[in-house]
């Protein structure tokens, strides 16, 4: 019996560790992307790694996550020659000057 309880305790600890690790792969909160005043995409708890492409070009992004973002005009999170990415802090909103300029992708800023 004692070894059965120890095995159950170790299994529970291992499962808790896996669950906590999985949670760290997601940004807690929402990212709201708009174009011409309408919501184009609303992402909840998106993965915190890699490049994320918006479903279409957006002109306003609101970051309601617990992590900062980098916004890109390209669909693959790269900075074009002569262009730039924009840092969007936690709880902030960024709006580009004209619809001709738009955000096509984002990634999470390194912490």
PDB file of N, CA and C in Angstrom:
ATOM      1  N   UNK A   1       0.803  -1.208   0.000  1.00  0.00           N
ATOM      2  CA  UNK A   1       0.000   0.000   0.000  1.00  0.00           C
ATOM      3  C   UNK A   1       0.846   1.274   0.000  1.00  0.00           C
ATOM      4  N   UNK A   2       1.903   1.383   0.815  1.00  0.00           N
ATOM      5  CA  UNK A   2       2.662   2.631   0.826  1.00  0.00           C
ATOM      6  C   UNK A   2       3.248   2.971  -0.546  1.00  0.00           C
ATOM      7  N   UNK A   3       3.721   1.979  -1.289  1.00  0.00           N
ATOM      8  CA  UNK A   3       4.291   2.285  -2.600  1.00  0.00           C
ATOM      9  C   UNK A   3       3.207   2.756  -3.568  1.00  0.00           C
ATOM     10  N   UNK A   4       1.990   2.284  -3.408  1.00  0.00           N
ATOM     11  CA  UNK A   4       0.876   2.720  -4.238  1.00  0.00           C
ATOM     12  C   UNK A   4       0.576   4.199  -4.001  1.00  0.00           C
ATOM     13  N   UNK A   5       0.623   4.643  -2.772  1.00  0.00           N
ATOM     14  CA  UNK A   5       0.373   6.054  -2.453  1.00  0.00           C
ATOM     15  C   UNK A   5       1.512   6.925  -2.987  1.00  0.00           C
ATOM     16  N   UNK A   6       2.728   6.440  -2.847  1.00  0.00           N
ATOM     17  CA  UNK A   6       3.873   7.205  -3.350  1.00  0.00           C
ATOM     18  C   UNK A   6       3.791   7.364  -4.863  1.00  0.00           C
ATOM     19  N   UNK A   7       3.423   6.287  -5.539  1.00  0.00           N
ATOM     20  CA  UNK A   7       3.282   6.338  -6.992  1.00  0.00           C
ATOM     21  C   UNK A   7       2.175   7.311  -7.396  1.00  0.00           C
ATOM     22  N   UNK A   8       1.075   7.299  -6.669  1.00  0.00           N
ATOM     23  CA  UNK A   8      -0.029   8.215  -6.962  1.00  0.00           C
ATOM     24  C   UNK A   8       0.404   9.664  -6.735  1.00  0.00           C
ATOM     25  N   UNK A   9       1.154   9.911  -5.676  1.00  0.00           N
ATOM     26  CA  UNK A   9       1.627  11.269  -5.385  1.00  0.00           C
ATOM     27  C   UNK A   9       2.589  11.747  -6.472  1.00  0.00           C
ATOM     28  N   UNK A  10       3.513  10.879  -6.887  1.00  0.00           N
ATOM     29  CA  UNK A  10       4.464  11.251  -7.932  1.00  0.00           C
ATOM     30  C   UNK A  10       3.755  11.514  -9.266  1.00  0.00           C
ATOM     31  N   UNK A  11       2.757  10.706  -9.566  1.00  0.00           N
ATOM     32  CA  UNK A  11       1.992  10.899 -10.793  1.00  0.00           C
ATOM     33  C   UNK A  11       1.269  12.234 -10.761  1.00  0.00           C
ATOM     34  N   UNK A  12       0.676  12.566  -9.622  1.00  0.00           N
ATOM     35  CA  UNK A  12      -0.020  13.844  -9.473  1.00  0.00           C
ATOM     36  C   UNK A  12       0.920  15.018  -9.636  1.00  0.00           C
ATOM     37  N   UNK A  13       2.108  14.932  -9.058  1.00  0.00           N
ATOM     38  CA  UNK A  13       3.101  16.004  -9.181  1.00  0.00           C
ATOM     39  C   UNK A  13       3.553  16.154 -10.630  1.00  0.00           C
ATOM     40  N   UNK A  14       3.761  15.034 -11.308  1.00  0.00           N
ATOM     41  CA  UNK A  14       4.185  15.077 -12.709  1.00  0.00           C
ATOM     42  C   UNK A  14       3.107  15.721 -13.583  1.00  0.00           C
ATOM     43  N   UNK A  15       1.843  15.371 -13.364  1.00  0.00           N
ATOM     44  CA  UNK A  15       0.753  15.952 -14.143  1.00  0.00           C
ATOM     45  C   UNK A  15       0.625  17.449 -13.883  1.00  0.00           C
ATOM     46  N   UNK A  16       0.812  17.866 -12.647  1.00  0.00           N
ATOM     47  CA  UNK A  16       0.764  19.283 -12.311  1.00  0.00           C
ATOM     48  C   UNK A  16       1.889  20.035 -13.023  1.00  0.00           C
ATOM     49  N   UNK A  17       3.065  19.445 -13.038  1.00  0.00           N
ATOM     50  CA  UNK A  17       4.198  20.068 -13.735  1.00  0.00           C
ATOM     51  C   UNK A  17       3.936  20.222 -15.216  1.00  0.00           C
ATOM     52  N   UNK A  18       3.357  19.214 -15.836  1.00  0.00           N
ATOM     53  CA  UNK A  18       3.031  19.286 -17.265  1.00  0.00           C
ATOM     54  C   UNK A  18       1.983  20.363 -17.501  1.00  0.00           C
ATOM     55  N   UNK A  19       0.981  20.450 -16.655  1.00  0.00           N
ATOM     56  CA  UNK A  19      -0.071  21.459 -16.810  1.00  0.00           C
ATOM     57  C   UNK A  19       0.499  22.865 -16.668  1.00  0.00           C
ATOM     58  N   UNK A  20       1.366  23.076 -15.702  1.00  0.00           N
ATOM     59  CA  UNK A  20       1.959  24.405 -15.507  1.00  0.00           C
ATOM     60  C   UNK A  20       2.863  24.786 -16.666  1.00  0.00           C
ATOM     61  N   UNK A  21       3.592  23.841 -17.204  1.00  0.00           N
ATOM     62  CA  UNK A  21       4.466  24.103 -18.353  1.00  0.00           C
ATOM     63  C   UNK A  21       3.638  24.462 -19.577  1.00  0.00           C
ATOM     64  N   UNK A  22       2.527  23.772 -19.786  1.00  0.00           N
ATOM     65  CA  UNK A  22       1.669  24.041 -20.935  1.00  0.00           C
ATOM     66  C   UNK A  22       1.083  25.446 -20.859  1.00  0.00           C
ATOM     67  N   UNK A  23       0.762  25.909 -19.667  1.00  0.00           N
ATOM     68  CA  UNK A  23       0.194  27.249 -19.506  1.00  0.00           C
ATOM     69  C   UNK A  23       1.191  28.332 -19.894  1.00  0.00           C
ATOM     70  N   UNK A  24       2.458  28.079 -19.742  1.00  0.00           N
ATOM     71  CA  UNK A  24       3.463  29.078 -20.051  1.00  0.00           C
ATOM     72  C   UNK A  24       3.640  29.263 -21.557  1.00  0.00           C
ATOM     73  N   UNK A  25       3.078  28.387 -22.356  1.00  0.00           N
ATOM     74  CA  UNK A  25       3.193  28.497 -23.803  1.00  0.00           C
ATOM     75  C   UNK A  25       2.107  29.369 -24.405  1.00  0.00           C
ATOM     76  N   UNK A  26       1.254  29.955 -23.558  1.00  0.00           N
ATOM     77  CA  UNK A  26       0.184  30.809 -24.034  1.00  0.00           C
ATOM     78  C   UNK A  26       0.252  32.160 -23.336  1.00  0.00           C
ATOM     79  N   UNK A  27      -0.085  33.192 -24.069  1.00  0.00           N
ATOM     80  CA  UNK A  27      -0.173  34.525 -23.484  1.00  0.00           C
ATOM     81  C   UNK A  27      -1.575  34.677 -22.903  1.00  0.00           C
ATOM     82  N   UNK A  28      -1.661  35.075 -21.681  1.00  0.00           N
ATOM     83  CA  UNK A  28      -2.945  35.208 -21.004  1.00  0.00           C
ATOM     84  C   UNK A  28      -3.616  36.527 -21.397  1.00  0.00           C
ATOM     85  N   UNK A  29      -4.789  36.443 -21.982  1.00  0.00           N
ATOM     86  CA  UNK A  29      -5.534  37.641 -22.355  1.00  0.00           C
ATOM     87  C   UNK A  29      -5.967  37.629 -23.805  1.00  0.00           C
ATOM     88  N   UNK A  30      -6.305  38.810 -24.322  1.00  0.00           N
ATOM     89  CA  UNK A  30      -6.826  38.927 -25.681  1.00  0.00           C
ATOM     90  C   UNK A  30      -6.050  39.944 -26.512  1.00  0.00           C
ATOM     91  N   UNK A  31      -6.034  39.680 -27.803  1.00  0.00           N
ATOM     92  CA  UNK A  31      -5.528  40.631 -28.783  1.00  0.00           C
ATOM     93  C   UNK A  31      -6.693  40.900 -29.729  1.00  0.00           C
ATOM     94  N   UNK A  32      -7.064  42.176 -29.845  1.00  0.00           N
ATOM     95  CA  UNK A  32      -8.186  42.559 -30.695  1.00  0.00           C
ATOM     96  C   UNK A  32      -7.633  43.340 -31.887  1.00  0.00           C
ATOM     97  N   UNK A  33      -7.923  42.857 -33.094  1.00  0.00           N
ATOM     98  CA  UNK A  33      -7.439  43.481 -34.329  1.00  0.00           C
ATOM     99  C   UNK A  33      -8.639  44.041 -35.097  1.00  0.00           C
ATOM    100  N   UNK A  34      -8.513  45.300 -35.530  1.00  0.00           N
ATOM    101  CA  UNK A  34      -9.603  45.975 -36.242  1.00  0.00           C
ATOM    102  C   UNK A  34      -9.115  46.550 -37.570  1.00  0.00           C
ATOM    103  N   UNK A  35     -10.082  46.717 -38.453  1.00  0.00           N
ATOM    104  CA  UNK A  35      -9.847  47.406 -39.732  1.00  0.00           C
ATOM    105  C   UNK A  35     -11.117  48.194 -40.030  1.00  0.00           C
ATOM    106  N   UNK A  36     -10.964  49.468 -40.311  1.00  0.00           N
ATOM    107  CA  UNK A  36     -12.108  50.343 -40.601  1.00  0.00           C
ATOM    108  C   UNK A  36     -13.156  50.295 -39.486  1.00  0.00           C
ATOM    109  N   UNK A  37     -12.700  50.190 -38.261  1.00  0.00           N
ATOM    110  CA  UNK A  37     -13.591  50.208 -37.109  1.00  0.00           C
ATOM    111  C   UNK A  37     -14.252  48.886 -36.763  1.00  0.00           C
ATOM    112  N   UNK A  38     -14.136  47.894 -37.616  1.00  0.00           N
ATOM    113  CA  UNK A  38     -14.763  46.589 -37.331  1.00  0.00           C
ATOM    114  C   UNK A  38     -13.717  45.602 -36.822  1.00  0.00           C
ATOM    115  N   UNK A  39     -14.143  44.720 -35.956  1.00  0.00           N
ATOM    116  CA  UNK A  39     -13.234  43.700 -35.438  1.00  0.00           C
ATOM    117  C   UNK A  39     -13.006  42.651 -36.516  1.00  0.00           C
ATOM    118  N   UNK A  40     -11.744  42.452 -36.865  1.00  0.00           N
ATOM    119  CA  UNK A  40     -11.351  41.474 -37.866  1.00  0.00           C
ATOM    120  C   UNK A  40     -11.013  40.152 -37.183  1.00  0.00           C
ATOM    121  N   UNK A  41     -10.352  40.255 -36.044  1.00  0.00           N
ATOM    122  CA  UNK A  41      -9.889  39.062 -35.348  1.00  0.00           C
ATOM    123  C   UNK A  41      -9.812  39.358 -33.864  1.00  0.00           C
ATOM    124  N   UNK A  42     -10.236  38.386 -33.053  1.00  0.00           N
ATOM    125  CA  UNK A  42     -10.160  38.480 -31.605  1.00  0.00           C
ATOM    126  C   UNK A  42      -9.487  37.203 -31.122  1.00  0.00           C
ATOM    127  N   UNK A  43      -8.237  37.311 -30.701  1.00  0.00           N
ATOM    128  CA  UNK A  43      -7.468  36.139 -30.290  1.00  0.00           C
ATOM    129  C   UNK A  43      -7.437  36.059 -28.764  1.00  0.00           C
ATOM    130  N   UNK A  44      -7.829  34.923 -28.217  1.00  0.00           N
ATOM    131  CA  UNK A  44      -7.820  34.720 -26.779  1.00  0.00           C
ATOM    132  C   UNK A  44      -6.751  33.700 -26.422  1.00  0.00           C
ATOM    133  N   UNK A  45      -5.882  34.073 -25.482  1.00  0.00           N
ATOM    134  CA  UNK A  45      -4.789  33.211 -25.006  1.00  0.00           C
ATOM    135  C   UNK A  45      -3.988  32.596 -26.159  1.00  0.00           C
ATOM    136  N   UNK A  46      -3.468  33.420 -27.061  1.00  0.00           N
ATOM    137  CA  UNK A  46      -2.716  32.868 -28.200  1.00  0.00           C
ATOM    138  C   UNK A  46      -1.390  32.259 -27.751  1.00  0.00           C
ATOM    139  N   UNK A  47      -0.851  31.324 -28.528  1.00  0.00           N
ATOM    140  CA  UNK A  47       0.479  30.776 -28.207  1.00  0.00           C
ATOM    141  C   UNK A  47       1.498  31.910 -28.161  1.00  0.00           C
ATOM    142  N   UNK A  48       2.421  31.824 -27.216  1.00  0.00           N
ATOM    143  CA  UNK A  48       3.374  32.925 -27.024  1.00  0.00           C
ATOM    144  C   UNK A  48       4.630  32.791 -27.872  1.00  0.00           C
ATOM    145  N   UNK A  49       4.739  31.732 -28.652  1.00  0.00           N
ATOM    146  CA  UNK A  49       5.927  31.536 -29.489  1.00  0.00           C
ATOM    147  C   UNK A  49       5.558  31.621 -30.963  1.00  0.00           C
ATOM    148  N   UNK A  50       6.499  32.084 -31.761  1.00  0.00           N
ATOM    149  CA  UNK A  50       6.320  32.084 -33.205  1.00  0.00           C
ATOM    150  C   UNK A  50       5.664  33.335 -33.735  1.00  0.00           C
ATOM    151  N   UNK A  51       5.422  33.297 -35.023  1.00  0.00           N
ATOM    152  CA  UNK A  51       4.813  34.403 -35.748  1.00  0.00           C
ATOM    153  C   UNK A  51       3.322  34.117 -35.929  1.00  0.00           C
ATOM    154  N   UNK A  52       2.506  35.130 -35.737  1.00  0.00           N
ATOM    155  CA  UNK A  52       1.053  34.997 -35.879  1.00  0.00           C
ATOM    156  C   UNK A  52       0.585  35.946 -36.974  1.00  0.00           C
ATOM    157  N   UNK A  53      -0.122  35.406 -37.933  1.00  0.00           N
ATOM    158  CA  UNK A  53      -0.604  36.208 -39.063  1.00  0.00           C
ATOM    159  C   UNK A  53      -2.053  36.600 -38.817  1.00  0.00           C
ATOM    160  N   UNK A  54      -2.370  37.871 -39.071  1.00  0.00           N
ATOM    161  CA  UNK A  54      -3.757  38.309 -38.992  1.00  0.00           C
ATOM    162  C   UNK A  54      -4.502  37.776 -40.209  1.00  0.00           C
ATOM    163  N   UNK A  55      -5.798  37.539 -40.068  1.00  0.00           N
ATOM    164  CA  UNK A  55      -6.581  36.974 -41.170  1.00  0.00           C
ATOM    165  C   UNK A  55      -6.654  37.925 -42.362  1.00  0.00           C
ATOM    166  N   UNK A  56      -6.482  39.214 -42.118  1.00  0.00           N
ATOM    167  CA  UNK A  56      -6.346  40.224 -43.166  1.00  0.00           C
ATOM    168  C   UNK A  56      -5.572  41.385 -42.554  1.00  0.00           C
ATOM    169  N   UNK A  57      -5.125  42.309 -43.384  1.00  0.00           N
ATOM    170  CA  UNK A  57      -4.390  43.456 -42.855  1.00  0.00           C
ATOM    171  C   UNK A  57      -5.267  44.258 -41.906  1.00  0.00           C
ATOM    172  N   UNK A  58      -4.699  44.696 -40.788  1.00  0.00           N
ATOM    173  CA  UNK A  58      -5.454  45.452 -39.796  1.00  0.00           C
ATOM    174  C   UNK A  58      -4.810  46.814 -39.571  1.00  0.00           C
ATOM    175  N   UNK A  59      -5.640  47.779 -39.154  1.00  0.00           N
ATOM    176  CA  UNK A  59      -5.146  49.132 -38.928  1.00  0.00           C
ATOM    177  C   UNK A  59      -5.130  49.519 -37.450  1.00  0.00           C
ATOM    178  N   UNK A  60      -5.663  48.656 -36.585  1.00  0.00           N
ATOM    179  CA  UNK A  60      -5.631  48.927 -35.152  1.00  0.00           C
ATOM    180  C   UNK A  60      -5.503  47.614 -34.397  1.00  0.00           C
ATOM    181  N   UNK A  61      -4.598  47.587 -33.425  1.00  0.00           N
ATOM    182  CA  UNK A  61      -4.388  46.401 -32.592  1.00  0.00           C
ATOM    183  C   UNK A  61      -4.422  46.831 -31.134  1.00  0.00           C
ATOM    184  N   UNK A  62      -5.220  46.137 -30.324  1.00  0.00           N
ATOM    185  CA  UNK A  62      -5.274  46.373 -28.891  1.00  0.00           C
ATOM    186  C   UNK A  62      -4.713  45.143 -28.194  1.00  0.00           C
ATOM    187  N   UNK A  63      -3.717  45.354 -27.357  1.00  0.00           N
ATOM    188  CA  UNK A  63      -3.040  44.269 -26.643  1.00  0.00           C
ATOM    189  C   UNK A  63      -3.574  44.190 -25.214  1.00  0.00           C
ATOM    190  N   UNK A  64      -4.417  43.220 -24.960  1.00  0.00           N
ATOM    191  CA  UNK A  64      -4.969  43.008 -23.622  1.00  0.00           C
ATOM    192  C   UNK A  64      -4.382  41.748 -22.987  1.00  0.00           C
ATOM    193  N   UNK A  65      -3.170  41.393 -23.402  1.00  0.00           N
ATOM    194  CA  UNK A  65      -2.488  40.242 -22.828  1.00  0.00           C
ATOM    195  C   UNK A  65      -1.519  40.713 -21.745  1.00  0.00           C
ATOM    196  N   UNK A  66      -0.843  39.780 -21.122  1.00  0.00           N
ATOM    197  CA  UNK A  66       0.156  40.089 -20.099  1.00  0.00           C
ATOM    198  C   UNK A  66       1.560  40.133 -20.691  1.00  0.00           C
ATOM    199  N   UNK A  67       1.657  40.253 -22.017  1.00  0.00           N
ATOM    200  CA  UNK A  67       2.944  40.284 -22.710  1.00  0.00           C
ATOM    201  C   UNK A  67       2.942  41.390 -23.755  1.00  0.00           C
ATOM    202  N   UNK A  68       4.110  41.926 -24.055  1.00  0.00           N
ATOM    203  CA  UNK A  68       4.245  42.950 -25.084  1.00  0.00           C
ATOM    204  C   UNK A  68       4.331  42.301 -26.464  1.00  0.00           C
ATOM    205  N   UNK A  69       3.910  43.052 -27.489  1.00  0.00           N
ATOM    206  CA  UNK A  69       3.885  42.544 -28.857  1.00  0.00           C
ATOM    207  C   UNK A  69       4.829  43.334 -29.751  1.00  0.00           C
ATOM    208  N   UNK A  70       5.192  42.719 -30.855  1.00  0.00           N
ATOM    209  CA  UNK A  70       5.853  43.390 -31.964  1.00  0.00           C
ATOM    210  C   UNK A  70       4.922  43.243 -33.159  1.00  0.00           C
ATOM    211  N   UNK A  71       4.544  44.362 -33.786  1.00  0.00           N
ATOM    212  CA  UNK A  71       3.654  44.363 -34.948  1.00  0.00           C
ATOM    213  C   UNK A  71       4.476  44.555 -36.211  1.00  0.00           C
ATOM    214  N   UNK A  72       4.115  43.823 -37.263  1.00  0.00           N
ATOM    215  CA  UNK A  72       4.871  43.851 -38.513  1.00  0.00           C
ATOM    216  C   UNK A  72       3.947  44.138 -39.703  1.00  0.00           C
ATOM    217  N   UNK A  73       4.441  44.856 -40.704  1.00  0.00           N
ATOM    218  CA  UNK A  73       3.651  45.086 -41.909  1.00  0.00           C
ATOM    219  C   UNK A  73       3.675  43.880 -42.862  1.00  0.00           C
ATOM    220  N   UNK A  74       4.555  42.944 -42.623  1.00  0.00           N
ATOM    221  CA  UNK A  74       4.685  41.759 -43.470  1.00  0.00           C
ATOM    222  C   UNK A  74       3.904  40.590 -42.868  1.00  0.00           C
ATOM    223  N   UNK A  75       3.539  39.592 -43.666  1.00  0.00           N
ATOM    224  CA  UNK A  75       2.789  38.452 -43.131  1.00  0.00           C
ATOM    225  C   UNK A  75       3.656  37.432 -42.390  1.00  0.00           C
ATOM    226  N   UNK A  76       4.996  37.598 -42.423  1.00  0.00           N
ATOM    227  CA  UNK A  76       5.874  36.586 -41.823  1.00  0.00           C
ATOM    228  C   UNK A  76       6.761  37.139 -40.697  1.00  0.00           C
ATOM    229  N   UNK A  77       6.319  38.212 -40.058  1.00  0.00           N
ATOM    230  CA  UNK A  77       7.040  38.799 -38.915  1.00  0.00           C
ATOM    231  C   UNK A  77       8.471  39.208 -39.258  1.00  0.00           C
ATOM    232  N   UNK A  78       8.658  39.706 -40.472  1.00  0.00           N
ATOM    233  CA  UNK A  78       9.966  40.241 -40.850  1.00  0.00           C
ATOM    234  C   UNK A  78       9.821  41.742 -41.079  1.00  0.00           C
ATOM    235  N   UNK A  79      10.931  42.432 -40.974  1.00  0.00           N
ATOM    236  CA  UNK A  79      10.939  43.873 -41.196  1.00  0.00           C
ATOM    237  C   UNK A  79      11.421  44.119 -42.623  1.00  0.00           C
ATOM    238  N   UNK A  80      10.595  44.745 -43.463  1.00  0.00           N
ATOM    239  CA  UNK A  80      11.013  45.001 -44.841  1.00  0.00           C
ATOM    240  C   UNK A  80      12.113  46.065 -44.888  1.00  0.00           C
ATOM    241  N   UNK A  81      12.852  46.076 -45.963  1.00  0.00           N
ATOM    242  CA  UNK A  81      13.899  47.072 -46.145  1.00  0.00           C
ATOM    243  C   UNK A  81      13.293  48.473 -46.036  1.00  0.00           C
ATOM    244  N   UNK A  82      13.879  49.264 -45.186  1.00  0.00           N
ATOM    245  CA  UNK A  82      13.379  50.620 -44.976  1.00  0.00           C
ATOM    246  C   UNK A  82      12.146  50.695 -44.097  1.00  0.00           C
ATOM    247  N   UNK A  83      11.639  49.560 -43.650  1.00  0.00           N
ATOM    248  CA  UNK A  83      10.453  49.537 -42.793  1.00  0.00           C
ATOM    249  C   UNK A  83      10.822  49.330 -41.337  1.00  0.00           C
ATOM    250  N   UNK A  84       9.824  49.063 -40.537  1.00  0.00           N
ATOM    251  CA  UNK A  84      10.082  48.827 -39.122  1.00  0.00           C
ATOM    252  C   UNK A  84       8.955  48.014 -38.496  1.00  0.00           C
ATOM    253  N   UNK A  85       9.241  47.409 -37.363  1.00  0.00           N
ATOM    254  CA  UNK A  85       8.200  46.799 -36.547  1.00  0.00           C
ATOM    255  C   UNK A  85       7.847  47.819 -35.472  1.00  0.00           C
ATOM    256  N   UNK A  86       6.732  47.620 -34.815  1.00  0.00           N
ATOM    257  CA  UNK A  86       6.301  48.522 -33.754  1.00  0.00           C
ATOM    258  C   UNK A  86       6.086  47.719 -32.479  1.00  0.00           C
ATOM    259  N   UNK A  87       6.619  48.239 -31.388  1.00  0.00           N
ATOM    260  CA  UNK A  87       6.484  47.625 -30.069  1.00  0.00           C
ATOM    261  C   UNK A  87       5.154  48.078 -29.475  1.00  0.00           C
ATOM    262  N   UNK A  88       4.336  47.120 -29.048  1.00  0.00           N
ATOM    263  CA  UNK A  88       3.050  47.430 -28.438  1.00  0.00           C
ATOM    264  C   UNK A  88       3.033  46.868 -27.028  1.00  0.00           C
ATOM    265  N   UNK A  89       3.051  47.754 -26.050  1.00  0.00           N
ATOM    266  CA  UNK A  89       3.152  47.362 -24.651  1.00  0.00           C
ATOM    267  C   UNK A  89       1.851  46.735 -24.141  1.00  0.00           C
ATOM    268  N   UNK A  90       1.926  46.148 -22.981  1.00  0.00           N
ATOM    269  CA  UNK A  90       0.787  45.525 -22.312  1.00  0.00           C
ATOM    270  C   UNK A  90      -0.304  46.577 -22.092  1.00  0.00           C
ATOM    271  N   UNK A  91      -1.524  46.264 -22.484  1.00  0.00           N
ATOM    272  CA  UNK A  91      -2.655  47.160 -22.276  1.00  0.00           C
ATOM    273  C   UNK A  91      -2.731  48.333 -23.228  1.00  0.00           C
ATOM    274  N   UNK A  92      -1.904  48.372 -24.256  1.00  0.00           N
ATOM    275  CA  UNK A  92      -1.859  49.515 -25.178  1.00  0.00           C
ATOM    276  C   UNK A  92      -2.602  49.214 -26.479  1.00  0.00           C
ATOM    277  N   UNK A  93      -2.887  50.281 -27.219  1.00  0.00           N
ATOM    278  CA  UNK A  93      -3.505  50.190 -28.543  1.00  0.00           C
ATOM    279  C   UNK A  93      -2.632  50.953 -29.522  1.00  0.00           C
ATOM    280  N   UNK A  94      -2.445  50.393 -30.710  1.00  0.00           N
ATOM    281  CA  UNK A  94      -1.701  51.081 -31.756  1.00  0.00           C
ATOM    282  C   UNK A  94      -2.590  51.183 -32.974  1.00  0.00           C
ATOM    283  N   UNK A  95      -2.601  52.360 -33.583  1.00  0.00           N
ATOM    284  CA  UNK A  95      -3.374  52.572 -34.799  1.00  0.00           C
ATOM    285  C   UNK A  95      -2.453  53.202 -35.827  1.00  0.00           C
ATOM    286  N   UNK A  96      -2.363  52.592 -37.005  1.00  0.00           N
ATOM    287  CA  UNK A  96      -1.516  53.144 -38.062  1.00  0.00           C
ATOM    288  C   UNK A  96      -2.217  54.334 -38.695  1.00  0.00           C
ATOM    289  N   UNK A  97      -1.454  55.163 -39.361  1.00  0.00           N
ATOM    290  CA  UNK A  97      -1.957  56.437 -39.865  1.00  0.00           C
ATOM    291  C   UNK A  97      -3.036  56.284 -40.939  1.00  0.00           C
ATOM    292  N   UNK A  98      -2.842  55.383 -41.887  1.00  0.00           N
ATOM    293  CA  UNK A  98      -3.801  55.231 -42.984  1.00  0.00           C
ATOM    294  C   UNK A  98      -4.056  53.751 -43.245  1.00  0.00           C
ATOM    295  N   UNK A  99      -5.212  53.430 -43.832  1.00  0.00           N
ATOM    296  CA  UNK A  99      -5.480  52.030 -44.161  1.00  0.00           C
ATOM    297  C   UNK A  99      -4.486  51.445 -45.165  1.00  0.00           C
ATOM    298  N   UNK A 100      -3.787  52.320 -45.917  1.00  0.00           N
ATOM    299  CA  UNK A 100      -2.773  51.821 -46.852  1.00  0.00           C
ATOM    300  C   UNK A 100      -1.618  51.187 -46.081  1.00  0.00           C
ATOM    301  N   UNK A 101      -1.394  51.685 -44.872  1.00  0.00           N
ATOM    302  CA  UNK A 101      -0.414  51.070 -43.981  1.00  0.00           C
ATOM    303  C   UNK A 101      -1.205  50.124 -43.084  1.00  0.00           C
ATOM    304  N   UNK A 102      -0.713  48.935 -42.906  1.00  0.00           N
ATOM    305  CA  UNK A 102      -1.459  47.988 -42.085  1.00  0.00           C
ATOM    306  C   UNK A 102      -0.529  46.977 -41.441  1.00  0.00           C
ATOM    307  N   UNK A 103      -1.016  46.349 -40.392  1.00  0.00           N
ATOM    308  CA  UNK A 103      -0.286  45.278 -39.720  1.00  0.00           C
ATOM    309  C   UNK A 103      -0.791  43.954 -40.276  1.00  0.00           C
ATOM    310  N   UNK A 104       0.143  43.089 -40.641  1.00  0.00           N
ATOM    311  CA  UNK A 104      -0.218  41.779 -41.182  1.00  0.00           C
ATOM    312  C   UNK A 104       0.169  40.625 -40.281  1.00  0.00           C
ATOM    313  N   UNK A 105       1.048  40.880 -39.303  1.00  0.00           N
ATOM    314  CA  UNK A 105       1.460  39.799 -38.396  1.00  0.00           C
ATOM    315  C   UNK A 105       1.982  40.390 -37.094  1.00  0.00           C
ATOM    316  N   UNK A 106       2.150  39.519 -36.100  1.00  0.00           N
ATOM    317  CA  UNK A 106       2.718  39.944 -34.827  1.00  0.00           C
ATOM    318  C   UNK A 106       3.435  38.768 -34.179  1.00  0.00           C
ATOM    319  N   UNK A 107       4.330  39.113 -33.276  1.00  0.00           N
ATOM    320  CA  UNK A 107       4.981  38.125 -32.429  1.00  0.00           C
ATOM    321  C   UNK A 107       5.059  38.731 -31.035  1.00  0.00           C
ATOM    322  N   UNK A 108       5.365  37.900 -30.065  1.00  0.00           N
ATOM    323  CA  UNK A 108       5.514  38.401 -28.705  1.00  0.00           C
ATOM    324  C   UNK A 108       6.941  38.861 -28.513  1.00  0.00           C
ATOM    325  N   UNK A 109       7.100  40.011 -27.879  1.00  0.00           N
ATOM    326  CA  UNK A 109       8.425  40.594 -27.653  1.00  0.00           C
ATOM    327  C   UNK A 109       9.159  39.743 -26.626  1.00  0.00           C
ATOM    328  N   UNK A 110      10.466  39.559 -26.822  1.00  0.00           N
ATOM    329  CA  UNK A 110      11.247  38.813 -25.830  1.00  0.00           C
ATOM    330  C   UNK A 110      11.214  39.545 -24.490  1.00  0.00           C
ATOM    331  N   UNK A 111      11.117  38.780 -23.433  1.00  0.00           N
ATOM    332  CA  UNK A 111      11.042  39.397 -22.099  1.00  0.00           C
ATOM    333  C   UNK A 111      12.356  39.301 -21.388  1.00  0.00           C
TER     334      UNK A 111
END
